[in-house]
Amino acid sequence: MQFGVENPHKANKVIVMVGETGSGKTTLINSLINCILGVGWEDKYRYRLIEENTGKSKTQSQTSHVTIYQIHHMEGFTIPYSLTILDTPGSGSTEGIDQDRLIAQQLKDCFNPHWGVDRIDAICFVVKASVTRLTTMQRYVFDSIISLFGKDIKHNILICVTFADHTKPQVIQALLDAQVPCAKEGNDPLYFKFSNSDLYTKRSGEDEDDVALAKIFYKMGRNSSTNLFMTLGEMTSQSLYMTKEVLKEREILEITMEGLLPRIQEAALKQHELEKTERILQQHEDDIRNNRNFEYEEQETIKEKKYGKENAINCHKCEMTCHHPCRVPFDHVTALCEVFTWGRVCTVCGHNAGMHYCENHIWESKVETKKKTYSALKEKYERACEGKSSKETLYEMLSGEIRALEEKQMKLIEKAATCLGRLREIALKPDPLSAPDYIDLLINAEKHEAKPGYRERITSLEKAKRKAEKLQEIEKNST
């Protein structure tokens, strides 16, 4: 199942949800989705990714096979990445022990190029807070996962405690007693608490004390979801068949892809607006000939700072963000960020590490419509050519800017397409991705998000696509 449109410029995190039948796994997944979509307690709606079948017996699993949910990143998400959830059948059900033995094999089957799942970021074991001793089946599932991925996977195993309250869950001691391999926080397993009773609670028409208590539990679950996603963002991926070196390459490529997108969008809009200015000048040739001033409107990309809790690597030369969120904590170790090559050059903007700083804000671009005058435009180009401006010189310089932006845009697109092609190669996908294919992805994303200036960017991207197709045809005929 897919939610949204594929976003090639966002990293994708993969989590596996494993839990016994009746552990509350389905409600937990729905809670996570509501957190991603920013649903608050006061909102009158809730989202259900999975329909909760309350008519089934508590010993009967909601799912009978591994289901893949692909949540593609969209504007407004509370997380900075796309998410793939592998929902496994509930273990320990009355459907038989053979069903439990299928879980590991079904998981393994999911990790193939056909499904696009080539590595894993976290395994979330869902357990009830009241459990005092792990069952044989729960231990079997743990052991199966370890045998599937190897010992290193223990650092990616997270504990999700359901039906929890404000106290420390009993199940934590049960996990310690069973010596379950998982990520640790101090001496205890790293765990996240969820109530499961609060997601669909009505906010009115019930006992006030019950509603107040439900609100507390809702916020507890929301905080746990947020902390879970922050932890997920910092985890090192594990793979069945990729080496650590290839995983690292993939991470760098994904970071580069994300940083290239705003630059492509900005170049596309600037190019379109310069072409629009050129057309306006042609329409006002009489005014220009008679040296009369006139006004026109132009959409302009404005950069502004957006502050947050997470660090970002910003280029002061470009005034753009090259990597966010970033784990590098200080300016003097900026070059340790994954976005830099061994030669201390940024893979996104091409500038040296010395021009980059670790800051608590990102640069965001927004589009504003501004009034411009011919006299201001003329003055700008007169300064550029030392006061020797004429109508012909103005047109020539404007055309030169447009050509330079076209070249810049195509270089950025080719670089991004190369990155995406390598990502698909790493994922063992047989179909290579060309520059025109990549531009199609950009156009579809622009149509879907419909952010200010998207029509202008689409026009520019369509022009770039035609140029890329011609270049592709020339290259094909020459071989």
Protein backbone atom coordinates (compact mmCIF):
# COMPACT_ATOMS: atom_id res chain seq x y z
CA MET A 1 0.00 0.00 0.00
CA GLN A 2 1.33 3.46 -0.91
CA PHE A 3 0.49 6.83 0.64
CA GLY A 4 1.41 9.92 -1.37
CA VAL A 5 3.73 10.27 -4.37
CA GLU A 6 7.29 8.94 -4.48
CA ASN A 7 9.72 11.63 -3.34
CA PRO A 8 13.25 10.87 -4.61
CA HIS A 9 14.72 13.77 -2.63
CA LYS A 10 13.88 12.38 0.79
CA ALA A 11 15.65 9.53 2.57
CA ASN A 12 13.48 6.48 3.25
CA LYS A 13 13.53 4.77 6.64
CA VAL A 14 12.40 1.13 6.91
CA ILE A 15 10.93 -0.32 10.10
CA VAL A 16 9.62 -3.81 10.84
CA MET A 17 6.74 -4.09 13.32
CA VAL A 18 6.71 -7.38 15.23
CA GLY A 19 4.38 -8.34 18.06
CA GLU A 20 2.21 -11.06 19.53
CA THR A 21 -1.45 -11.25 18.58
CA GLY A 22 -3.33 -8.82 20.84
CA SER A 23 -0.27 -6.69 21.62
CA GLY A 24 -1.88 -3.58 20.10
CA LYS A 25 0.39 -3.40 17.06
CA THR A 26 -2.33 -2.20 14.66
CA THR A 27 -3.39 0.67 16.94
CA LEU A 28 0.27 1.60 17.42
CA ILE A 29 0.85 1.85 13.66
CA ASN A 30 -2.24 4.06 13.33
CA SER A 31 -0.90 6.24 16.18
CA LEU A 32 2.43 6.66 14.39
CA ILE A 33 0.64 7.71 11.19
CA ASN A 34 -1.39 10.32 13.08
CA CYS A 35 1.85 11.68 14.56
CA ILE A 36 3.47 11.89 11.09
CA LEU A 37 0.45 13.80 9.77
CA GLY A 38 0.51 16.19 12.74
CA VAL A 39 -2.89 15.26 14.21
CA GLY A 40 -3.30 16.84 17.66
CA TRP A 41 -5.59 15.99 20.57
CA GLU A 42 -7.89 18.93 19.75
CA ASP A 43 -8.44 17.81 16.13
CA LYS A 44 -11.85 16.29 15.41
CA TYR A 45 -10.48 13.59 13.14
CA ARG A 46 -8.08 10.65 13.23
CA TYR A 47 -6.47 8.69 10.39
CA ARG A 48 -6.55 4.91 10.09
CA LEU A 49 -3.89 3.36 7.89
CA ILE A 50 -5.10 -0.08 8.97
CA GLU A 51 -8.74 -0.85 9.75
CA GLU A 52 -8.99 -2.36 13.22
CA ASN A 53 -11.25 -5.40 13.06
CA THR A 54 -12.79 -5.53 16.50
CA GLY A 55 -14.93 -8.50 15.50
CA LYS A 56 -11.97 -10.89 15.52
CA SER A 57 -11.00 -13.00 18.49
CA LYS A 58 -8.12 -11.65 20.60
CA THR A 59 -6.19 -14.83 19.82
CA GLN A 60 -6.60 -14.35 16.06
CA SER A 61 -4.08 -12.24 14.19
CA GLN A 62 -5.27 -9.14 12.32
CA THR A 63 -2.85 -9.95 9.48
CA SER A 64 -1.90 -13.29 7.92
CA HIS A 65 1.07 -12.11 5.85
CA VAL A 66 3.69 -9.36 5.86
CA THR A 67 2.14 -6.13 4.58
CA ILE A 68 4.27 -3.27 3.23
CA TYR A 69 3.08 0.32 3.78
CA GLN A 70 5.05 3.00 1.92
CA ILE A 71 4.49 6.49 3.37
CA HIS A 72 6.05 8.93 0.90
CA HIS A 73 7.20 12.23 2.39
CA MET A 74 4.99 15.26 1.77
CA GLU A 75 5.00 18.92 2.74
CA GLY A 76 3.66 19.21 6.30
CA PHE A 77 4.97 15.88 7.63
CA THR A 78 6.40 16.04 11.15
CA ILE A 79 9.32 13.81 10.10
CA PRO A 80 12.01 14.74 7.54
CA TYR A 81 11.97 11.41 5.67
CA SER A 82 9.70 8.88 3.95
CA LEU A 83 8.76 5.77 5.91
CA THR A 84 8.27 2.14 4.91
CA ILE A 85 6.51 -0.07 7.48
CA LEU A 86 6.69 -3.86 7.23
CA ASP A 87 3.77 -5.10 9.32
CA THR A 88 4.25 -8.75 10.27
CA PRO A 89 1.50 -11.20 11.26
CA GLY A 90 0.86 -11.43 14.99
CA SER A 91 2.84 -14.29 16.51
CA GLY A 92 1.48 -16.83 18.98
CA SER A 93 -2.00 -16.96 17.45
CA THR A 94 -4.33 -19.95 17.47
CA GLU A 95 -3.69 -20.33 13.74
CA GLY A 96 -0.80 -22.60 14.70
CA ILE A 97 2.91 -22.63 15.33
CA ASP A 98 3.57 -23.13 11.61
CA GLN A 99 2.18 -19.63 11.05
CA ASP A 100 4.80 -18.23 13.44
CA ARG A 101 7.61 -20.02 11.60
CA LEU A 102 6.55 -18.31 8.38
CA ILE A 103 7.21 -14.81 9.76
CA ALA A 104 11.00 -14.88 9.33
CA GLN A 105 10.72 -16.35 5.81
CA GLN A 106 8.07 -13.81 4.80
CA LEU A 107 10.31 -11.03 6.09
CA LYS A 108 13.24 -12.37 4.11
CA ASP A 109 11.07 -12.50 0.99
CA CYS A 110 10.28 -8.79 1.43
CA PHE A 111 13.97 -7.89 1.22
CA ASN A 112 14.33 -8.10 -2.53
CA PRO A 113 14.59 -5.55 -5.38
CA HIS A 114 10.98 -6.15 -6.48
CA TRP A 115 9.63 -4.51 -3.31
CA GLY A 116 12.40 -1.91 -3.10
CA VAL A 117 13.25 -2.90 0.49
CA ASP A 118 17.01 -3.34 0.51
CA ARG A 119 17.90 -2.50 4.11
CA ILE A 120 16.36 -1.97 7.52
CA ASP A 121 16.61 0.90 9.99
CA ALA A 122 14.72 -0.46 13.00
CA ILE A 123 12.81 -3.46 14.27
CA CYS A 124 10.05 -2.39 16.64
CA PHE A 125 9.04 -5.16 19.04
CA VAL A 126 5.56 -4.43 20.34
CA VAL A 127 4.88 -5.79 23.84
CA LYS A 128 2.23 -5.15 26.48
CA ALA A 129 3.31 -3.20 29.56
CA SER A 130 1.85 -5.83 31.91
CA VAL A 131 3.87 -8.79 30.56
CA THR A 132 6.03 -10.29 33.33
CA ARG A 133 7.59 -13.09 31.30
CA LEU A 134 8.30 -13.53 27.60
CA THR A 135 6.61 -16.46 25.90
CA THR A 136 8.45 -19.13 23.92
CA MET A 137 6.98 -17.68 20.74
CA GLN A 138 8.22 -14.18 21.52
CA ARG A 139 11.72 -15.57 22.08
CA TYR A 140 11.42 -17.52 18.82
CA VAL A 141 10.64 -14.34 16.87
CA PHE A 142 13.61 -12.53 18.48
CA ASP A 143 15.97 -15.39 17.60
CA SER A 144 14.64 -15.56 14.02
CA ILE A 145 15.33 -11.87 13.47
CA ILE A 146 18.85 -12.14 14.88
CA SER A 147 19.61 -15.14 12.65
CA LEU A 148 18.22 -13.27 9.63
CA PHE A 149 20.24 -10.06 10.05
CA GLY A 150 23.17 -11.04 12.28
CA LYS A 151 24.28 -9.80 15.68
CA ASP A 152 24.71 -6.16 14.61
CA ILE A 153 20.94 -5.80 14.29
CA LYS A 154 20.57 -5.68 18.09
CA HIS A 155 21.45 -1.97 18.03
CA ASN A 156 18.45 -1.40 15.73
CA ILE A 157 15.90 -3.24 17.90
CA LEU A 158 13.52 -0.85 19.68
CA ILE A 159 10.90 -1.77 22.27
CA CYS A 160 7.40 -0.30 21.90
CA VAL A 161 5.39 -0.79 25.09
CA THR A 162 1.61 -0.71 24.63
CA PHE A 163 -1.23 -0.36 27.16
CA ALA A 164 1.20 1.65 29.30
CA ASP A 165 0.58 4.25 32.00
CA HIS A 166 2.85 6.77 33.78
CA THR A 167 4.81 4.06 35.65
CA LYS A 168 7.78 2.00 34.48
CA PRO A 169 6.36 -1.00 32.56
CA GLN A 170 6.75 -4.46 34.10
CA VAL A 171 7.78 -5.86 30.73
CA ILE A 172 11.14 -4.03 30.93
CA GLN A 173 12.26 -6.35 33.72
CA ALA A 174 10.97 -9.33 31.71
CA LEU A 175 13.13 -8.23 28.77
CA LEU A 176 16.15 -7.88 31.06
CA ASP A 177 15.53 -11.32 32.59
CA ALA A 178 15.29 -12.86 29.12
CA GLN A 179 18.49 -11.05 28.05
CA VAL A 180 16.78 -9.82 24.90
CA PRO A 181 19.27 -8.17 22.51
CA CYS A 182 18.16 -4.60 21.79
CA ALA A 183 19.24 -0.95 21.83
CA LYS A 184 20.01 0.24 25.36
CA GLU A 185 19.59 3.45 27.33
CA GLY A 186 21.80 3.04 30.36
CA ASN A 187 21.19 -0.44 31.75
CA ASP A 188 17.60 -0.69 30.48
CA PRO A 189 16.29 -1.46 27.00
CA LEU A 190 15.49 1.67 24.98
CA TYR A 191 11.68 1.76 25.05
CA PHE A 192 8.76 3.99 24.06
CA LYS A 193 5.41 3.99 25.88
CA PHE A 194 1.96 4.07 24.25
CA SER A 195 -1.46 3.89 25.91
CA ASN A 196 -3.48 2.42 22.98
CA SER A 197 -6.74 3.46 24.69
CA ASP A 198 -6.58 7.14 23.80
CA LEU A 199 -6.33 7.37 19.99
CA TYR A 200 -10.06 7.36 19.25
CA THR A 201 -11.33 8.71 22.61
CA LYS A 202 -14.11 11.28 22.26
CA ARG A 203 -13.27 14.70 23.68
CA SER A 204 -16.82 15.54 24.79
CA GLY A 205 -19.94 13.79 26.02
CA GLU A 206 -18.00 11.61 28.44
CA ASP A 207 -16.87 11.92 32.04
CA GLU A 208 -14.56 14.95 32.35
CA ASP A 209 -11.99 13.05 34.41
CA ASP A 210 -11.87 10.26 31.81
CA VAL A 211 -11.38 12.77 29.00
CA ALA A 212 -8.63 14.59 30.94
CA LEU A 213 -6.85 11.29 31.59
CA ALA A 214 -7.19 10.27 27.93
CA LYS A 215 -5.65 13.61 26.93
CA ILE A 216 -2.62 12.93 29.16
CA PHE A 217 -2.16 9.48 27.61
CA TYR A 218 -2.58 10.90 24.09
CA LYS A 219 0.23 13.39 24.74
CA MET A 220 2.38 10.62 26.22
CA GLY A 221 1.91 8.57 23.03
CA ARG A 222 2.59 11.62 20.84
CA ASN A 223 5.84 12.36 22.70
CA SER A 224 6.87 8.70 22.42
CA SER A 225 6.14 8.73 18.66
CA THR A 226 8.23 11.90 18.23
CA ASN A 227 11.13 10.43 20.22
CA LEU A 228 10.87 7.17 18.25
CA PHE A 229 11.12 9.03 14.93
CA MET A 230 14.07 11.11 16.19
CA THR A 231 15.87 7.92 17.27
CA LEU A 232 15.05 6.31 13.91
CA GLY A 233 16.59 9.26 12.08
CA GLU A 234 19.91 8.72 13.88
CA MET A 235 20.16 4.94 13.44
CA THR A 236 22.63 3.19 11.13
CA SER A 237 20.93 1.02 8.50
CA GLN A 238 21.44 -2.75 8.36
CA SER A 239 21.22 -4.86 5.21
CA LEU A 240 20.95 -8.49 4.19
CA TYR A 241 23.30 -8.14 1.24
CA MET A 242 24.88 -4.68 1.22
CA THR A 243 28.27 -4.01 2.82
CA LYS A 244 28.70 -1.16 5.30
CA GLU A 245 30.61 0.76 2.63
CA VAL A 246 27.69 0.55 0.20
CA LEU A 247 25.22 1.54 2.94
CA LYS A 248 27.39 4.59 3.64
CA GLU A 249 27.46 5.46 -0.06
CA ARG A 250 23.68 5.20 -0.15
CA GLU A 251 23.35 7.56 2.80
CA ILE A 252 25.63 10.14 1.13
CA LEU A 253 23.68 9.87 -2.15
CA GLU A 254 20.36 10.39 -0.34
CA ILE A 255 21.73 13.46 1.47
CA THR A 256 23.04 14.87 -1.83
CA MET A 257 19.67 14.26 -3.54
CA GLU A 258 17.79 16.09 -0.79
CA GLY A 259 20.15 19.07 -0.99
CA LEU A 260 19.92 19.33 -4.79
CA LEU A 261 16.12 19.68 -4.98
CA PRO A 262 15.76 23.30 -3.71
CA ARG A 263 18.59 24.35 -6.02
CA ILE A 264 16.86 22.80 -9.05
CA GLN A 265 13.56 24.44 -8.07
CA GLU A 266 15.19 27.85 -7.61
CA ALA A 267 17.04 27.65 -10.94
CA ALA A 268 13.81 26.60 -12.71
CA LEU A 269 11.83 29.54 -11.29
CA LYS A 270 14.58 32.10 -11.97
CA GLN A 271 14.92 30.91 -15.56
CA HIS A 272 11.16 31.16 -16.13
CA GLU A 273 11.00 34.67 -14.64
CA LEU A 274 13.91 35.92 -16.76
CA GLU A 275 12.17 34.59 -19.88
CA LYS A 276 8.99 36.33 -18.72
CA THR A 277 10.94 39.60 -18.25
CA GLU A 278 12.32 39.22 -21.77
CA ARG A 279 8.77 38.88 -23.15
CA ILE A 280 7.59 41.94 -21.17
CA LEU A 281 10.44 44.03 -22.59
CA GLN A 282 9.44 42.97 -26.11
CA GLN A 283 5.84 44.06 -25.38
CA HIS A 284 7.06 47.50 -24.20
CA GLU A 285 9.45 48.25 -27.05
CA ASP A 286 7.78 51.62 -27.72
CA ASP A 287 8.24 52.67 -24.08
CA ILE A 288 11.89 51.55 -24.16
CA ARG A 289 12.51 53.39 -27.46
CA ASN A 290 11.07 56.59 -25.97
CA ASN A 291 12.87 56.03 -22.65
CA ARG A 292 9.58 55.81 -20.71
CA ASN A 293 9.44 53.94 -17.41
CA PHE A 294 6.84 51.16 -16.82
CA GLU A 295 5.95 48.62 -14.13
CA TYR A 296 5.62 44.84 -14.33
CA GLU A 297 5.15 41.93 -11.90
CA GLU A 298 7.69 39.19 -11.24
CA GLN A 299 7.73 36.16 -8.95
CA GLU A 300 10.87 36.14 -6.84
CA THR A 301 12.41 33.47 -4.61
CA ILE A 302 13.00 34.88 -1.11
CA LYS A 303 15.24 33.04 1.34
CA GLU A 304 14.48 33.05 5.05
CA LYS A 305 15.75 31.26 8.14
CA LYS A 306 13.60 28.66 9.89
CA TYR A 307 14.82 27.79 13.38
CA GLY A 308 14.43 24.36 14.98
CA LYS A 309 15.89 21.91 17.49
CA GLU A 310 18.06 19.96 15.03
CA ASN A 311 21.39 21.07 13.56
CA ALA A 312 21.86 21.88 9.89
CA ILE A 313 24.93 22.33 7.69
CA ASN A 314 24.45 25.64 5.84
CA CYS A 315 26.56 27.08 3.04
CA HIS A 316 27.14 30.81 3.62
CA LYS A 317 28.25 31.26 0.01
CA CYS A 318 24.92 29.97 -1.39
CA GLU A 319 22.75 30.89 1.62
CA MET A 320 21.26 27.41 1.34
CA THR A 321 21.03 24.28 3.50
CA CYS A 322 23.16 21.37 2.33
CA HIS A 323 22.24 18.81 5.03
CA HIS A 324 19.42 18.65 7.58
CA PRO A 325 19.06 17.16 10.12
CA CYS A 326 22.78 16.67 10.77
CA ARG A 327 24.46 14.84 13.66
CA VAL A 328 27.57 17.05 13.56
CA PRO A 329 27.40 19.19 16.74
CA PHE A 330 29.99 21.97 16.24
CA ASP A 331 31.43 24.29 13.56
CA HIS A 332 35.01 23.08 13.96
CA VAL A 333 34.02 19.52 12.95
CA THR A 334 31.69 20.51 10.08
CA ALA A 335 33.85 18.59 7.58
CA LEU A 336 32.90 15.33 9.36
CA CYS A 337 29.37 15.63 7.94
CA GLU A 338 28.51 12.96 5.34
CA VAL A 339 27.90 15.64 2.73
CA PHE A 340 31.66 16.34 2.37
CA THR A 341 34.18 14.35 0.34
CA TRP A 342 37.64 13.47 1.65
CA GLY A 343 38.80 16.64 -0.11
CA ARG A 344 36.43 18.69 2.11
CA VAL A 345 34.20 19.59 -0.87
CA CYS A 346 30.40 19.61 -0.47
CA THR A 347 28.69 17.05 -2.74
CA VAL A 348 25.58 19.26 -2.89
CA CYS A 349 26.85 22.77 -3.71
CA GLY A 350 30.50 22.11 -4.61
CA HIS A 351 31.89 24.68 -2.15
CA ASN A 352 34.64 24.06 0.39
CA ALA A 353 33.85 22.95 3.96
CA GLY A 354 35.22 26.29 5.22
CA MET A 355 32.18 28.06 3.73
CA HIS A 356 29.80 25.83 5.70
CA TYR A 357 28.61 26.21 9.29
CA CYS A 358 26.72 24.03 11.76
CA GLU A 359 23.64 26.06 12.77
CA ASN A 360 20.25 25.63 14.43
CA HIS A 361 18.29 26.86 11.43
CA ILE A 362 17.68 25.87 7.82
CA TRP A 363 17.31 28.12 4.81
CA GLU A 364 13.85 27.91 3.25
CA SER A 365 12.72 29.48 0.00
CA LYS A 366 9.34 31.06 -0.53
CA VAL A 367 7.92 32.69 -3.64
CA GLU A 368 6.66 36.29 -3.55
CA THR A 369 5.13 38.42 -6.30
CA LYS A 370 6.89 41.79 -6.51
CA LYS A 371 6.42 44.91 -8.62
CA LYS A 372 9.44 45.84 -10.72
CA THR A 373 10.22 48.87 -12.86
CA TYR A 374 12.03 49.14 -16.17
CA SER A 375 14.26 51.93 -14.81
CA ALA A 376 15.50 49.67 -11.97
CA LEU A 377 16.17 46.83 -14.44
CA LYS A 378 18.03 49.18 -16.78
CA GLU A 379 20.10 50.55 -13.89
CA LYS A 380 21.04 47.00 -12.84
CA TYR A 381 22.44 46.16 -16.28
CA GLU A 382 24.08 49.59 -16.67
CA ARG A 383 26.08 48.89 -13.52
CA ALA A 384 27.06 45.50 -14.92
CA CYS A 385 28.40 47.00 -18.18
CA GLU A 386 29.86 50.19 -16.70
CA GLY A 387 27.07 52.54 -17.82
CA LYS A 388 27.19 51.64 -21.51
CA SER A 389 23.74 50.06 -21.59
CA SER A 390 21.54 50.10 -24.68
CA LYS A 391 18.39 48.20 -25.61
CA GLU A 392 20.48 45.64 -27.50
CA THR A 393 22.96 45.26 -24.63
CA LEU A 394 20.12 44.77 -22.16
CA TYR A 395 18.57 42.00 -24.30
CA GLU A 396 21.97 40.41 -24.79
CA MET A 397 22.77 40.34 -21.07
CA LEU A 398 19.30 39.03 -20.20
CA SER A 399 19.64 36.24 -22.78
CA GLY A 400 23.07 35.42 -21.38
CA GLU A 401 21.61 35.06 -17.87
CA ILE A 402 18.88 32.76 -19.20
CA ARG A 403 21.43 30.55 -21.00
CA ALA A 404 23.61 30.39 -17.87
CA LEU A 405 20.62 29.33 -15.76
CA GLU A 406 19.61 26.71 -18.35
CA GLU A 407 23.10 25.23 -18.15
CA LYS A 408 23.09 25.35 -14.33
CA GLN A 409 19.67 23.70 -14.18
CA MET A 410 20.70 20.90 -16.57
CA LYS A 411 23.92 20.25 -14.62
CA LEU A 412 21.94 19.99 -11.37
CA ILE A 413 19.38 17.68 -13.02
CA GLU A 414 22.10 15.47 -14.52
CA LYS A 415 23.87 15.29 -11.15
CA ALA A 416 20.63 14.36 -9.36
CA ALA A 417 19.71 11.81 -12.05
CA THR A 418 23.17 10.23 -11.71
CA CYS A 419 22.71 10.01 -7.92
CA LEU A 420 19.26 8.48 -8.29
CA GLY A 421 20.53 6.07 -10.94
CA ARG A 422 23.27 4.90 -8.58
CA LEU A 423 20.70 4.49 -5.78
CA ARG A 424 18.62 2.25 -8.05
CA GLU A 425 21.77 0.33 -9.00
CA ILE A 426 22.54 -0.23 -5.31
CA ALA A 427 18.98 -1.48 -4.83
CA LEU A 428 19.59 -3.93 -7.73
CA LYS A 429 16.81 -2.37 -9.80
CA PRO A 430 17.41 -3.34 -13.44
CA ASP A 431 15.83 -0.32 -15.12
CA PRO A 432 18.29 2.61 -15.41
CA LEU A 433 16.95 6.11 -14.77
CA SER A 434 17.68 8.78 -17.39
CA ALA A 435 17.62 12.58 -16.96
CA PRO A 436 14.18 12.86 -18.70
CA ASP A 437 12.81 10.17 -16.35
CA TYR A 438 14.12 12.11 -13.37
CA ILE A 439 12.56 15.36 -14.65
CA ASP A 440 9.22 13.50 -14.91
CA LEU A 441 9.52 12.67 -11.19
CA LEU A 442 10.17 16.35 -10.43
CA ILE A 443 7.17 17.47 -12.51
CA ASN A 444 4.86 14.95 -10.80
CA ALA A 445 6.08 16.11 -7.38
CA GLU A 446 5.48 19.77 -8.32
CA LYS A 447 1.91 18.98 -9.49
CA HIS A 448 1.20 17.04 -6.31
CA GLU A 449 2.54 19.64 -3.86
CA ALA A 450 1.33 22.69 -5.83
CA LYS A 451 3.52 25.10 -3.84
CA PRO A 452 3.68 28.79 -4.93
CA GLY A 453 5.49 29.14 -8.25
CA TYR A 454 4.90 25.49 -9.23
CA ARG A 455 3.35 26.31 -12.62
CA GLU A 456 6.38 28.39 -13.58
CA ARG A 457 8.76 25.67 -12.36
CA ILE A 458 6.85 23.01 -14.32
CA THR A 459 7.09 25.12 -17.50
CA SER A 460 10.85 25.42 -17.02
CA LEU A 461 11.22 21.70 -16.20
CA GLU A 462 9.25 20.69 -19.31
CA LYS A 463 11.61 22.81 -21.39
CA ALA A 464 14.58 21.12 -19.67
CA LYS A 465 13.03 17.72 -20.38
CA ARG A 466 12.78 18.45 -24.12
CA LYS A 467 16.43 19.50 -24.13
CA ALA A 468 17.45 16.37 -22.18
CA GLU A 469 15.52 14.16 -24.63
CA LYS A 470 17.31 15.76 -27.59
CA LEU A 471 20.70 15.25 -25.93
CA GLN A 472 19.76 11.64 -25.16
CA GLU A 473 18.77 11.07 -28.80
CA ILE A 474 22.04 12.60 -30.09
CA GLU A 475 24.03 10.43 -27.67
CA LYS A 476 22.09 7.33 -28.76
CA ASN A 477 22.65 8.01 -32.48
CA SER A 478 26.38 8.59 -31.98
CA THR A 479 26.95 5.16 -30.38
